[in-house]
PDB file of N, CA and C in Angstrom:
ATOM      1  N   MET A   1       0.835  -1.201  -0.009  1.00  0.00           N
ATOM      2  CA  MET A   1      -0.003  -0.008   0.010  1.00  0.00           C
ATOM      3  C   MET A   1       0.886   1.254  -0.008  1.00  0.00           C
ATOM      4  N   SER A   2       0.541   2.223  -0.786  1.00  0.00           N
ATOM      5  CA  SER A   2       1.308   3.424  -0.949  1.00  0.00           C
ATOM      6  C   SER A   2       1.116   4.340   0.277  1.00  0.00           C
ATOM      7  N   MET A   3       2.216   4.950   0.716  1.00  0.00           N
ATOM      8  CA  MET A   3       2.190   5.857   1.886  1.00  0.00           C
ATOM      9  C   MET A   3       1.974   7.296   1.433  1.00  0.00           C
ATOM     10  N   ILE A   4       2.465   7.672   0.286  1.00  0.00           N
ATOM     11  CA  ILE A   4       2.279   9.000  -0.259  1.00  0.00           C
ATOM     12  C   ILE A   4       1.110   8.913  -1.252  1.00  0.00           C
ATOM     13  N   LYS A   5       0.185   9.840  -1.198  1.00  0.00           N
ATOM     14  CA  LYS A   5      -0.959   9.804  -2.088  1.00  0.00           C
ATOM     15  C   LYS A   5      -1.135  11.139  -2.786  1.00  0.00           C
ATOM     16  N   ASN A   6      -1.940  11.134  -3.826  1.00  0.00           N
ATOM     17  CA  ASN A   6      -2.303  12.333  -4.565  1.00  0.00           C
ATOM     18  C   ASN A   6      -1.188  13.004  -5.326  1.00  0.00           C
ATOM     19  N   MET A   7      -0.131  12.247  -5.625  1.00  0.00           N
ATOM     20  CA  MET A   7       0.941  12.779  -6.479  1.00  0.00           C
ATOM     21  C   MET A   7       1.686  11.643  -7.172  1.00  0.00           C
ATOM     22  N   ASP A   8       2.259  11.963  -8.299  1.00  0.00           N
ATOM     23  CA  ASP A   8       3.033  10.935  -9.029  1.00  0.00           C
ATOM     24  C   ASP A   8       4.332  10.620  -8.304  1.00  0.00           C
ATOM     25  N   LYS A   9       4.771   9.380  -8.456  1.00  0.00           N
ATOM     26  CA  LYS A   9       6.025   8.937  -7.833  1.00  0.00           C
ATOM     27  C   LYS A   9       7.087   8.731  -8.922  1.00  0.00           C
ATOM     28  N   ALA A  10       8.345   8.759  -8.483  1.00  0.00           N
ATOM     29  CA  ALA A  10       9.457   8.572  -9.378  1.00  0.00           C
ATOM     30  C   ALA A  10       9.376   9.531 -10.578  1.00  0.00           C
ATOM     31  N   GLN A  11       9.021  10.786 -10.250  1.00  0.00           N
ATOM     32  CA  GLN A  11       8.909  11.824 -11.281  1.00  0.00           C
ATOM     33  C   GLN A  11       9.290  13.168 -10.686  1.00  0.00           C
ATOM     34  N   VAL A  12      10.183  13.878 -11.346  1.00  0.00           N
ATOM     35  CA  VAL A  12      10.579  15.206 -10.880  1.00  0.00           C
ATOM     36  C   VAL A  12       9.385  16.142 -10.995  1.00  0.00           C
ATOM     37  N   MET A  13       9.187  16.958  -9.962  1.00  0.00           N
ATOM     38  CA  MET A  13       8.034  17.906  -9.964  1.00  0.00           C
ATOM     39  C   MET A  13       8.426  19.175  -9.291  1.00  0.00           C
ATOM     40  N   VAL A  14       7.647  20.193  -9.523  1.00  0.00           N
ATOM     41  CA  VAL A  14       7.766  21.473  -8.776  1.00  0.00           C
ATOM     42  C   VAL A  14       6.623  21.412  -7.741  1.00  0.00           C
ATOM     43  N   LEU A  15       6.974  21.376  -6.453  1.00  0.00           N
ATOM     44  CA  LEU A  15       5.974  21.140  -5.416  1.00  0.00           C
ATOM     45  C   LEU A  15       4.878  22.157  -5.419  1.00  0.00           C
ATOM     46  N   LYS A  16       5.192  23.440  -5.645  1.00  0.00           N
ATOM     47  CA  LYS A  16       4.165  24.436  -5.563  1.00  0.00           C
ATOM     48  C   LYS A  16       3.161  24.355  -6.711  1.00  0.00           C
ATOM     49  N   GLU A  17       3.503  23.589  -7.718  1.00  0.00           N
ATOM     50  CA  GLU A  17       2.546  23.394  -8.842  1.00  0.00           C
ATOM     51  C   GLU A  17       1.577  22.239  -8.591  1.00  0.00           C
ATOM     52  N   GLN A  18       1.721  21.571  -7.438  1.00  0.00           N
ATOM     53  CA  GLN A  18       0.855  20.426  -7.120  1.00  0.00           C
ATOM     54  C   GLN A  18      -0.457  20.797  -6.452  1.00  0.00           C
ATOM     55  N   VAL A  19      -0.628  22.088  -6.157  1.00  0.00           N
ATOM     56  CA  VAL A  19      -1.895  22.609  -5.608  1.00  0.00           C
ATOM     57  C   VAL A  19      -2.172  23.936  -6.275  1.00  0.00           C
ATOM     58  N   SER A  20      -3.441  24.214  -6.604  1.00  0.00           N
ATOM     59  CA  SER A  20      -3.798  25.427  -7.339  1.00  0.00           C
ATOM     60  C   SER A  20      -4.591  26.400  -6.492  1.00  0.00           C
ATOM     61  N   TYR A  21      -4.406  27.674  -6.783  1.00  0.00           N
ATOM     62  CA  TYR A  21      -5.203  28.722  -6.131  1.00  0.00           C
ATOM     63  C   TYR A  21      -6.663  28.639  -6.662  1.00  0.00           C
ATOM     64  N   GLN A  22      -7.611  28.956  -5.780  1.00  0.00           N
ATOM     65  CA  GLN A  22      -9.002  29.119  -6.170  1.00  0.00           C
ATOM     66  C   GLN A  22      -9.500  30.375  -5.493  1.00  0.00           C
ATOM     67  N   ALA A  23     -10.212  31.235  -6.256  1.00  0.00           N
ATOM     68  CA  ALA A  23     -10.681  32.502  -5.762  1.00  0.00           C
ATOM     69  C   ALA A  23     -11.514  32.355  -4.489  1.00  0.00           C
ATOM     70  N   GLY A  24     -11.149  33.113  -3.451  1.00  0.00           N
ATOM     71  CA  GLY A  24     -11.919  33.145  -2.235  1.00  0.00           C
ATOM     72  C   GLY A  24     -11.825  31.875  -1.375  1.00  0.00           C
ATOM     73  N   GLN A  25     -10.792  31.056  -1.595  1.00  0.00           N
ATOM     74  CA  GLN A  25     -10.728  29.761  -0.896  1.00  0.00           C
ATOM     75  C   GLN A  25      -9.340  29.450  -0.357  1.00  0.00           C
ATOM     76  N   VAL A  26      -9.351  28.543   0.590  1.00  0.00           N
ATOM     77  CA  VAL A  26      -8.112  27.855   1.001  1.00  0.00           C
ATOM     78  C   VAL A  26      -8.258  26.445   0.450  1.00  0.00           C
ATOM     79  N   VAL A  27      -7.315  26.047  -0.372  1.00  0.00           N
ATOM     80  CA  VAL A  27      -7.327  24.710  -0.996  1.00  0.00           C
ATOM     81  C   VAL A  27      -6.273  23.832  -0.315  1.00  0.00           C
ATOM     82  N   SER A  28      -6.623  22.611   0.023  1.00  0.00           N
ATOM     83  CA  SER A  28      -5.640  21.711   0.640  1.00  0.00           C
ATOM     84  C   SER A  28      -5.609  20.419  -0.157  1.00  0.00           C
ATOM     85  N   LYS A  29      -4.396  19.817  -0.109  1.00  0.00           N
ATOM     86  CA  LYS A  29      -4.160  18.528  -0.779  1.00  0.00           C
ATOM     87  C   LYS A  29      -3.326  17.665   0.149  1.00  0.00           C
ATOM     88  N   THR A  30      -3.932  16.632   0.722  1.00  0.00           N
ATOM     89  CA  THR A  30      -3.231  15.743   1.646  1.00  0.00           C
ATOM     90  C   THR A  30      -2.307  14.807   0.873  1.00  0.00           C
ATOM     91  N   LEU A  31      -1.068  14.759   1.316  1.00  0.00           N
ATOM     92  CA  LEU A  31      -0.054  13.894   0.669  1.00  0.00           C
ATOM     93  C   LEU A  31       0.223  12.652   1.508  1.00  0.00           C
ATOM     94  N   ALA A  32       0.092  12.753   2.817  1.00  0.00           N
ATOM     95  CA  ALA A  32       0.273  11.612   3.733  1.00  0.00           C
ATOM     96  C   ALA A  32      -0.450  11.910   5.037  1.00  0.00           C
ATOM     97  N   GLN A  33      -1.006  10.858   5.645  1.00  0.00           N
ATOM     98  CA  GLN A  33      -1.737  11.032   6.917  1.00  0.00           C
ATOM     99  C   GLN A  33      -1.695   9.717   7.676  1.00  0.00           C
ATOM    100  N   ASN A  34      -1.136   9.742   8.877  1.00  0.00           N
ATOM    101  CA  ASN A  34      -1.220   8.571   9.770  1.00  0.00           C
ATOM    102  C   ASN A  34      -1.120   9.070  11.204  1.00  0.00           C
ATOM    103  N   ASP A  35      -0.969   8.154  12.159  1.00  0.00           N
ATOM    104  CA  ASP A  35      -0.985   8.517  13.566  1.00  0.00           C
ATOM    105  C   ASP A  35       0.268   9.324  13.969  1.00  0.00           C
ATOM    106  N   ALA A  36       1.313   9.271  13.175  1.00  0.00           N
ATOM    107  CA  ALA A  36       2.558   9.937  13.535  1.00  0.00           C
ATOM    108  C   ALA A  36       2.876  11.170  12.693  1.00  0.00           C
ATOM    109  N   LEU A  37       2.210  11.327  11.546  1.00  0.00           N
ATOM    110  CA  LEU A  37       2.627  12.322  10.586  1.00  0.00           C
ATOM    111  C   LEU A  37       1.453  12.744   9.698  1.00  0.00           C
ATOM    112  N   SER A  38       1.446  14.035   9.355  1.00  0.00           N
ATOM    113  CA  SER A  38       0.484  14.577   8.380  1.00  0.00           C
ATOM    114  C   SER A  38       1.272  15.514   7.443  1.00  0.00           C
ATOM    115  N   VAL A  39       1.124  15.323   6.131  1.00  0.00           N
ATOM    116  CA  VAL A  39       1.813  16.172   5.139  1.00  0.00           C
ATOM    117  C   VAL A  39       0.736  16.699   4.204  1.00  0.00           C
ATOM    118  N   THR A  40       0.639  18.011   4.137  1.00  0.00           N
ATOM    119  CA  THR A  40      -0.430  18.630   3.345  1.00  0.00           C
ATOM    120  C   THR A  40       0.088  19.902   2.623  1.00  0.00           C
ATOM    121  N   LEU A  41      -0.312  20.021   1.382  1.00  0.00           N
ATOM    122  CA  LEU A  41      -0.091  21.258   0.624  1.00  0.00           C
ATOM    123  C   LEU A  41      -1.277  22.168   0.749  1.00  0.00           C
ATOM    124  N   PHE A  42      -1.052  23.470   0.878  1.00  0.00           N
ATOM    125  CA  PHE A  42      -2.124  24.438   0.953  1.00  0.00           C
ATOM    126  C   PHE A  42      -1.910  25.558  -0.043  1.00  0.00           C
ATOM    127  N   ALA A  43      -2.995  26.086  -0.595  1.00  0.00           N
ATOM    128  CA  ALA A  43      -2.971  27.306  -1.430  1.00  0.00           C
ATOM    129  C   ALA A  43      -4.050  28.258  -0.882  1.00  0.00           C
ATOM    130  N   PHE A  44      -3.600  29.387  -0.373  1.00  0.00           N
ATOM    131  CA  PHE A  44      -4.504  30.401   0.210  1.00  0.00           C
ATOM    132  C   PHE A  44      -4.687  31.504  -0.800  1.00  0.00           C
ATOM    133  N   ASP A  45      -5.928  31.845  -1.144  1.00  0.00           N
ATOM    134  CA  ASP A  45      -6.136  33.065  -1.906  1.00  0.00           C
ATOM    135  C   ASP A  45      -5.828  34.270  -0.973  1.00  0.00           C
ATOM    136  N   ARG A  46      -5.591  35.394  -1.567  1.00  0.00           N
ATOM    137  CA  ARG A  46      -5.319  36.627  -0.789  1.00  0.00           C
ATOM    138  C   ARG A  46      -6.449  36.856   0.204  1.00  0.00           C
ATOM    139  N   ASP A  47      -6.086  37.165   1.442  1.00  0.00           N
ATOM    140  CA  ASP A  47      -7.024  37.470   2.532  1.00  0.00           C
ATOM    141  C   ASP A  47      -7.798  36.275   3.071  1.00  0.00           C
ATOM    142  N   GLU A  48      -7.461  35.087   2.635  1.00  0.00           N
ATOM    143  CA  GLU A  48      -8.086  33.877   3.220  1.00  0.00           C
ATOM    144  C   GLU A  48      -7.239  33.361   4.366  1.00  0.00           C
ATOM    145  N   GLU A  49      -7.868  32.638   5.303  1.00  0.00           N
ATOM    146  CA  GLU A  49      -7.124  32.210   6.475  1.00  0.00           C
ATOM    147  C   GLU A  49      -7.652  30.914   7.054  1.00  0.00           C
ATOM    148  N   ILE A  50      -6.824  30.329   7.909  1.00  0.00           N
ATOM    149  CA  ILE A  50      -7.236  29.278   8.821  1.00  0.00           C
ATOM    150  C   ILE A  50      -7.149  29.933  10.168  1.00  0.00           C
ATOM    151  N   SER A  51      -8.294  30.036  10.851  1.00  0.00           N
ATOM    152  CA  SER A  51      -8.367  30.792  12.087  1.00  0.00           C
ATOM    153  C   SER A  51      -7.594  30.090  13.225  1.00  0.00           C
ATOM    154  N   THR A  52      -7.430  30.798  14.297  1.00  0.00           N
ATOM    155  CA  THR A  52      -6.647  30.321  15.419  1.00  0.00           C
ATOM    156  C   THR A  52      -7.155  28.992  15.951  1.00  0.00           C
ATOM    157  N   HIS A  53      -6.207  28.056  16.122  1.00  0.00           N
ATOM    158  CA  HIS A  53      -6.501  26.720  16.636  1.00  0.00           C
ATOM    159  C   HIS A  53      -5.225  26.137  17.231  1.00  0.00           C
ATOM    160  N   GLU A  54      -5.289  24.975  17.792  1.00  0.00           N
ATOM    161  CA  GLU A  54      -4.112  24.270  18.345  1.00  0.00           C
ATOM    162  C   GLU A  54      -4.010  22.908  17.698  1.00  0.00           C
ATOM    163  N   SER A  55      -2.795  22.372  17.642  1.00  0.00           N
ATOM    164  CA  SER A  55      -2.562  21.049  17.116  1.00  0.00           C
ATOM    165  C   SER A  55      -1.875  20.164  18.159  1.00  0.00           C
ATOM    166  N   GLY A  56      -2.102  18.883  18.093  1.00  0.00           N
ATOM    167  CA  GLY A  56      -1.476  17.942  19.019  1.00  0.00           C
ATOM    168  C   GLY A  56      -0.008  17.642  18.642  1.00  0.00           C
ATOM    169  N   GLY A  57       0.454  18.157  17.506  1.00  0.00           N
ATOM    170  CA  GLY A  57       1.818  17.888  17.089  1.00  0.00           C
ATOM    171  C   GLY A  57       2.515  19.182  16.659  1.00  0.00           C
ATOM    172  N   ASP A  58       3.824  19.149  16.608  1.00  0.00           N
ATOM    173  CA  ASP A  58       4.608  20.260  16.069  1.00  0.00           C
ATOM    174  C   ASP A  58       4.302  20.369  14.574  1.00  0.00           C
ATOM    175  N   ALA A  59       4.067  21.609  14.134  1.00  0.00           N
ATOM    176  CA  ALA A  59       3.661  21.845  12.736  1.00  0.00           C
ATOM    177  C   ALA A  59       4.770  22.664  12.044  1.00  0.00           C
ATOM    178  N   PHE A  60       5.446  22.027  11.081  1.00  0.00           N
ATOM    179  CA  PHE A  60       6.511  22.655  10.305  1.00  0.00           C
ATOM    180  C   PHE A  60       5.953  23.199   9.033  1.00  0.00           C
ATOM    181  N   VAL A  61       6.076  24.524   8.790  1.00  0.00           N
ATOM    182  CA  VAL A  61       5.522  25.171   7.602  1.00  0.00           C
ATOM    183  C   VAL A  61       6.661  25.663   6.757  1.00  0.00           C
ATOM    184  N   THR A  62       6.583  25.430   5.457  1.00  0.00           N
ATOM    185  CA  THR A  62       7.496  26.022   4.479  1.00  0.00           C
ATOM    186  C   THR A  62       6.707  26.759   3.430  1.00  0.00           C
ATOM    187  N   CYS A  63       7.035  28.026   3.216  1.00  0.00           N
ATOM    188  CA  CYS A  63       6.372  28.830   2.190  1.00  0.00           C
ATOM    189  C   CYS A  63       6.904  28.409   0.818  1.00  0.00           C
ATOM    190  N   LEU A  64       6.002  28.049  -0.074  1.00  0.00           N
ATOM    191  CA  LEU A  64       6.356  27.620  -1.442  1.00  0.00           C
ATOM    192  C   LEU A  64       6.164  28.738  -2.467  1.00  0.00           C
ATOM    193  N   ASP A  65       5.270  29.712  -2.123  1.00  0.00           N
ATOM    194  CA  ASP A  65       4.936  30.756  -3.076  1.00  0.00           C
ATOM    195  C   ASP A  65       4.238  31.882  -2.311  1.00  0.00           C
ATOM    196  N   GLY A  66       4.465  33.133  -2.713  1.00  0.00           N
ATOM    197  CA  GLY A  66       3.710  34.250  -2.146  1.00  0.00           C
ATOM    198  C   GLY A  66       4.200  34.666  -0.793  1.00  0.00           C
ATOM    199  N   VAL A  67       3.288  35.269  -0.047  1.00  0.00           N
ATOM    200  CA  VAL A  67       3.592  35.783   1.298  1.00  0.00           C
ATOM    201  C   VAL A  67       2.459  35.420   2.220  1.00  0.00           C
ATOM    202  N   GLY A  68       2.817  34.770   3.347  1.00  0.00           N
ATOM    203  CA  GLY A  68       1.831  34.387   4.366  1.00  0.00           C
ATOM    204  C   GLY A  68       2.169  34.962   5.703  1.00  0.00           C
ATOM    205  N   LYS A  69       1.147  35.085   6.546  1.00  0.00           N
ATOM    206  CA  LYS A  69       1.344  35.544   7.908  1.00  0.00           C
ATOM    207  C   LYS A  69       0.983  34.390   8.831  1.00  0.00           C
ATOM    208  N   ILE A  70       1.935  34.039   9.674  1.00  0.00           N
ATOM    209  CA  ILE A  70       1.718  32.987  10.681  1.00  0.00           C
ATOM    210  C   ILE A  70       1.667  33.642  12.043  1.00  0.00           C
ATOM    211  N   THR A  71       0.621  33.349  12.799  1.00  0.00           N
ATOM    212  CA  THR A  71       0.492  33.881  14.158  1.00  0.00           C
ATOM    213  C   THR A  71       0.650  32.739  15.126  1.00  0.00           C
ATOM    214  N   ILE A  72       1.576  32.853  16.083  1.00  0.00           N
ATOM    215  CA  ILE A  72       1.802  31.840  17.105  1.00  0.00           C
ATOM    216  C   ILE A  72       1.780  32.547  18.431  1.00  0.00           C
ATOM    217  N   ASP A  73       0.910  32.123  19.352  1.00  0.00           N
ATOM    218  CA  ASP A  73       0.787  32.737  20.644  1.00  0.00           C
ATOM    219  C   ASP A  73       0.637  34.246  20.574  1.00  0.00           C
ATOM    220  N   GLY A  74      -0.097  34.726  19.562  1.00  0.00           N
ATOM    221  CA  GLY A  74      -0.348  36.153  19.432  1.00  0.00           C
ATOM    222  C   GLY A  74       0.765  36.932  18.717  1.00  0.00           C
ATOM    223  N   MET A  75       1.904  36.283  18.424  1.00  0.00           N
ATOM    224  CA  MET A  75       3.036  36.949  17.746  1.00  0.00           C
ATOM    225  C   MET A  75       2.893  36.658  16.207  1.00  0.00           C
ATOM    226  N   GLU A  76       3.077  37.703  15.400  1.00  0.00           N
ATOM    227  CA  GLU A  76       2.951  37.557  13.959  1.00  0.00           C
ATOM    228  C   GLU A  76       4.327  37.383  13.307  1.00  0.00           C
ATOM    229  N   TYR A  77       4.378  36.465  12.328  1.00  0.00           N
ATOM    230  CA  TYR A  77       5.588  36.215  11.578  1.00  0.00           C
ATOM    231  C   TYR A  77       5.229  36.209  10.085  1.00  0.00           C
ATOM    232  N   GLU A  78       6.036  36.848   9.250  1.00  0.00           N
ATOM    233  CA  GLU A  78       5.781  36.870   7.819  1.00  0.00           C
ATOM    234  C   GLU A  78       6.711  35.863   7.139  1.00  0.00           C
ATOM    235  N   LEU A  79       6.094  35.011   6.299  1.00  0.00           N
ATOM    236  CA  LEU A  79       6.904  34.016   5.539  1.00  0.00           C
ATOM    237  C   LEU A  79       6.855  34.324   4.070  1.00  0.00           C
ATOM    238  N   HIS A  80       8.039  34.252   3.465  1.00  0.00           N
ATOM    239  CA  HIS A  80       8.218  34.430   2.013  1.00  0.00           C
ATOM    240  C   HIS A  80       8.722  33.125   1.443  1.00  0.00           C
ATOM    241  N   GLU A  81       8.682  32.999   0.099  1.00  0.00           N
ATOM    242  CA  GLU A  81       9.071  31.769  -0.558  1.00  0.00           C
ATOM    243  C   GLU A  81      10.443  31.272  -0.051  1.00  0.00           C
ATOM    244  N   GLY A  82      10.484  30.002   0.331  1.00  0.00           N
ATOM    245  CA  GLY A  82      11.706  29.377   0.821  1.00  0.00           C
ATOM    246  C   GLY A  82      11.927  29.462   2.312  1.00  0.00           C
ATOM    247  N   GLU A  83      11.113  30.269   3.014  1.00  0.00           N
ATOM    248  CA  GLU A  83      11.250  30.405   4.447  1.00  0.00           C
ATOM    249  C   GLU A  83      10.358  29.401   5.192  1.00  0.00           C
ATOM    250  N   SER A  84      10.718  29.047   6.408  1.00  0.00           N
ATOM    251  CA  SER A  84      10.014  28.058   7.231  1.00  0.00           C
ATOM    252  C   SER A  84       9.872  28.534   8.641  1.00  0.00           C
ATOM    253  N   ILE A  85       8.908  27.920   9.350  1.00  0.00           N
ATOM    254  CA  ILE A  85       8.704  28.179  10.753  1.00  0.00           C
ATOM    255  C   ILE A  85       8.064  26.945  11.372  1.00  0.00           C
ATOM    256  N   VAL A  86       8.292  26.756  12.686  1.00  0.00           N
ATOM    257  CA  VAL A  86       7.660  25.652  13.384  1.00  0.00           C
ATOM    258  C   VAL A  86       6.596  26.242  14.314  1.00  0.00           C
ATOM    259  N   MET A  87       5.373  25.786  14.208  1.00  0.00           N
ATOM    260  CA  MET A  87       4.298  26.143  15.125  1.00  0.00           C
ATOM    261  C   MET A  87       4.264  25.011  16.191  1.00  0.00           C
ATOM    262  N   PRO A  88       4.656  25.318  17.416  1.00  0.00           N
ATOM    263  CA  PRO A  88       4.750  24.246  18.434  1.00  0.00           C
ATOM    264  C   PRO A  88       3.406  23.655  18.800  1.00  0.00           C
ATOM    265  N   ALA A  89       3.442  22.362  19.135  1.00  0.00           N
ATOM    266  CA  ALA A  89       2.248  21.652  19.575  1.00  0.00           C
ATOM    267  C   ALA A  89       1.604  22.359  20.750  1.00  0.00           C
ATOM    268  N   LYS A  90       0.283  22.372  20.735  1.00  0.00           N
ATOM    269  CA  LYS A  90      -0.533  22.886  21.855  1.00  0.00           C
ATOM    270  C   LYS A  90      -0.365  24.355  22.114  1.00  0.00           C
ATOM    271  N   HIS A  91       0.093  25.109  21.098  1.00  0.00           N
ATOM    272  CA  HIS A  91       0.163  26.565  21.149  1.00  0.00           C
ATOM    273  C   HIS A  91      -0.816  27.101  20.108  1.00  0.00           C
ATOM    274  N   PRO A  92      -1.620  28.100  20.460  1.00  0.00           N
ATOM    275  CA  PRO A  92      -2.544  28.649  19.466  1.00  0.00           C
ATOM    276  C   PRO A  92      -1.789  29.271  18.301  1.00  0.00           C
ATOM    277  N   HIS A  93      -2.309  28.953  17.085  1.00  0.00           N
ATOM    278  CA  HIS A  93      -1.683  29.513  15.879  1.00  0.00           C
ATOM    279  C   HIS A  93      -2.731  29.678  14.804  1.00  0.00           C
ATOM    280  N   ALA A  94      -2.391  30.536  13.822  1.00  0.00           N
ATOM    281  CA  ALA A  94      -3.303  30.798  12.671  1.00  0.00           C
ATOM    282  C   ALA A  94      -2.416  31.066  11.464  1.00  0.00           C
ATOM    283  N   VAL A  95      -3.047  30.926  10.265  1.00  0.00           N
ATOM    284  CA  VAL A  95      -2.316  31.155   9.006  1.00  0.00           C
ATOM    285  C   VAL A  95      -3.210  32.021   8.125  1.00  0.00           C
ATOM    286  N   TYR A  96      -2.575  33.038   7.514  1.00  0.00           N
ATOM    287  CA  TYR A  96      -3.304  34.047   6.715  1.00  0.00           C
ATOM    288  C   TYR A  96      -2.517  34.334   5.455  1.00  0.00           C
ATOM    289  N   GLY A  97      -3.262  34.447   4.310  1.00  0.00           N
ATOM    290  CA  GLY A  97      -2.641  34.790   3.057  1.00  0.00           C
ATOM    291  C   GLY A  97      -2.554  36.302   2.870  1.00  0.00           C
ATOM    292  N   LYS A  98      -1.394  36.905   3.125  1.00  0.00           N
ATOM    293  CA  LYS A  98      -1.254  38.328   2.906  1.00  0.00           C
ATOM    294  C   LYS A  98      -1.396  38.684   1.447  1.00  0.00           C
ATOM    295  N   GLU A  99      -0.979  37.731   0.621  1.00  0.00           N
ATOM    296  CA  GLU A  99      -1.263  37.743  -0.805  1.00  0.00           C
ATOM    297  C   GLU A  99      -1.483  36.259  -1.126  1.00  0.00           C
ATOM    298  N   GLN A 100      -1.619  35.898  -2.353  1.00  0.00           N
ATOM    299  CA  GLN A 100      -1.749  34.457  -2.634  1.00  0.00           C
ATOM    300  C   GLN A 100      -0.502  33.778  -2.016  1.00  0.00           C
ATOM    301  N   PHE A 101      -0.746  32.626  -1.393  1.00  0.00           N
ATOM    302  CA  PHE A 101       0.288  32.011  -0.548  1.00  0.00           C
ATOM    303  C   PHE A 101       0.133  30.498  -0.600  1.00  0.00           C
ATOM    304  N   LYS A 102       1.239  29.790  -0.960  1.00  0.00           N
ATOM    305  CA  LYS A 102       1.214  28.344  -0.932  1.00  0.00           C
ATOM    306  C   LYS A 102       2.217  27.869   0.121  1.00  0.00           C
ATOM    307  N   MET A 103       1.867  26.785   0.820  1.00  0.00           N
ATOM    308  CA  MET A 103       2.744  26.266   1.876  1.00  0.00           C
ATOM    309  C   MET A 103       2.675  24.773   1.941  1.00  0.00           C
ATOM    310  N   LEU A 104       3.762  24.167   2.403  1.00  0.00           N
ATOM    311  CA  LEU A 104       3.803  22.770   2.755  1.00  0.00           C
ATOM    312  C   LEU A 104       3.733  22.681   4.265  1.00  0.00           C
ATOM    313  N   LEU A 105       2.816  21.872   4.772  1.00  0.00           N
ATOM    314  CA  LEU A 105       2.645  21.692   6.218  1.00  0.00           C
ATOM    315  C   LEU A 105       3.001  20.264   6.540  1.00  0.00           C
ATOM    316  N   VAL A 106       3.942  20.088   7.473  1.00  0.00           N
ATOM    317  CA  VAL A 106       4.321  18.766   7.990  1.00  0.00           C
ATOM    318  C   VAL A 106       4.071  18.785   9.479  1.00  0.00           C
ATOM    319  N   VAL A 107       3.127  17.976   9.948  1.00  0.00           N
ATOM    320  CA  VAL A 107       2.806  17.902  11.379  1.00  0.00           C
ATOM    321  C   VAL A 107       3.334  16.580  11.888  1.00  0.00           C
ATOM    322  N   VAL A 108       4.127  16.627  12.941  1.00  0.00           N
ATOM    323  CA  VAL A 108       4.693  15.447  13.556  1.00  0.00           C
ATOM    324  C   VAL A 108       4.018  15.273  14.918  1.00  0.00           C
ATOM    325  N   PHE A 109       3.343  14.151  15.110  1.00  0.00           N
ATOM    326  CA  PHE A 109       2.577  13.910  16.351  1.00  0.00           C
ATOM    327  C   PHE A 109       3.408  13.081  17.344  1.00  0.00           C
TER     328      PHE A 109
END
């Protein structure tokens, strides 16, 4: 059984091209999900967000395109293409598209 889903294997790809922007939406594409790990691509249209919440695992975010705002414990951080941040487990955090913004999210439980 395959552990990675929703993408071709043994093929070179551009990761940010694996999820598309949609007007007025946050689009997600799950690549892997189990009890220990979650890997998801996201595409945020400008001004779209995932509101404040907490996760049971550390969440590693890498910006693939655009500019996003990550809020952790009330502190705001701006992410640009190629930059990453860790949102610690059990700390309130939110994600906002300052402009169109794509990210890779890896949560380790």
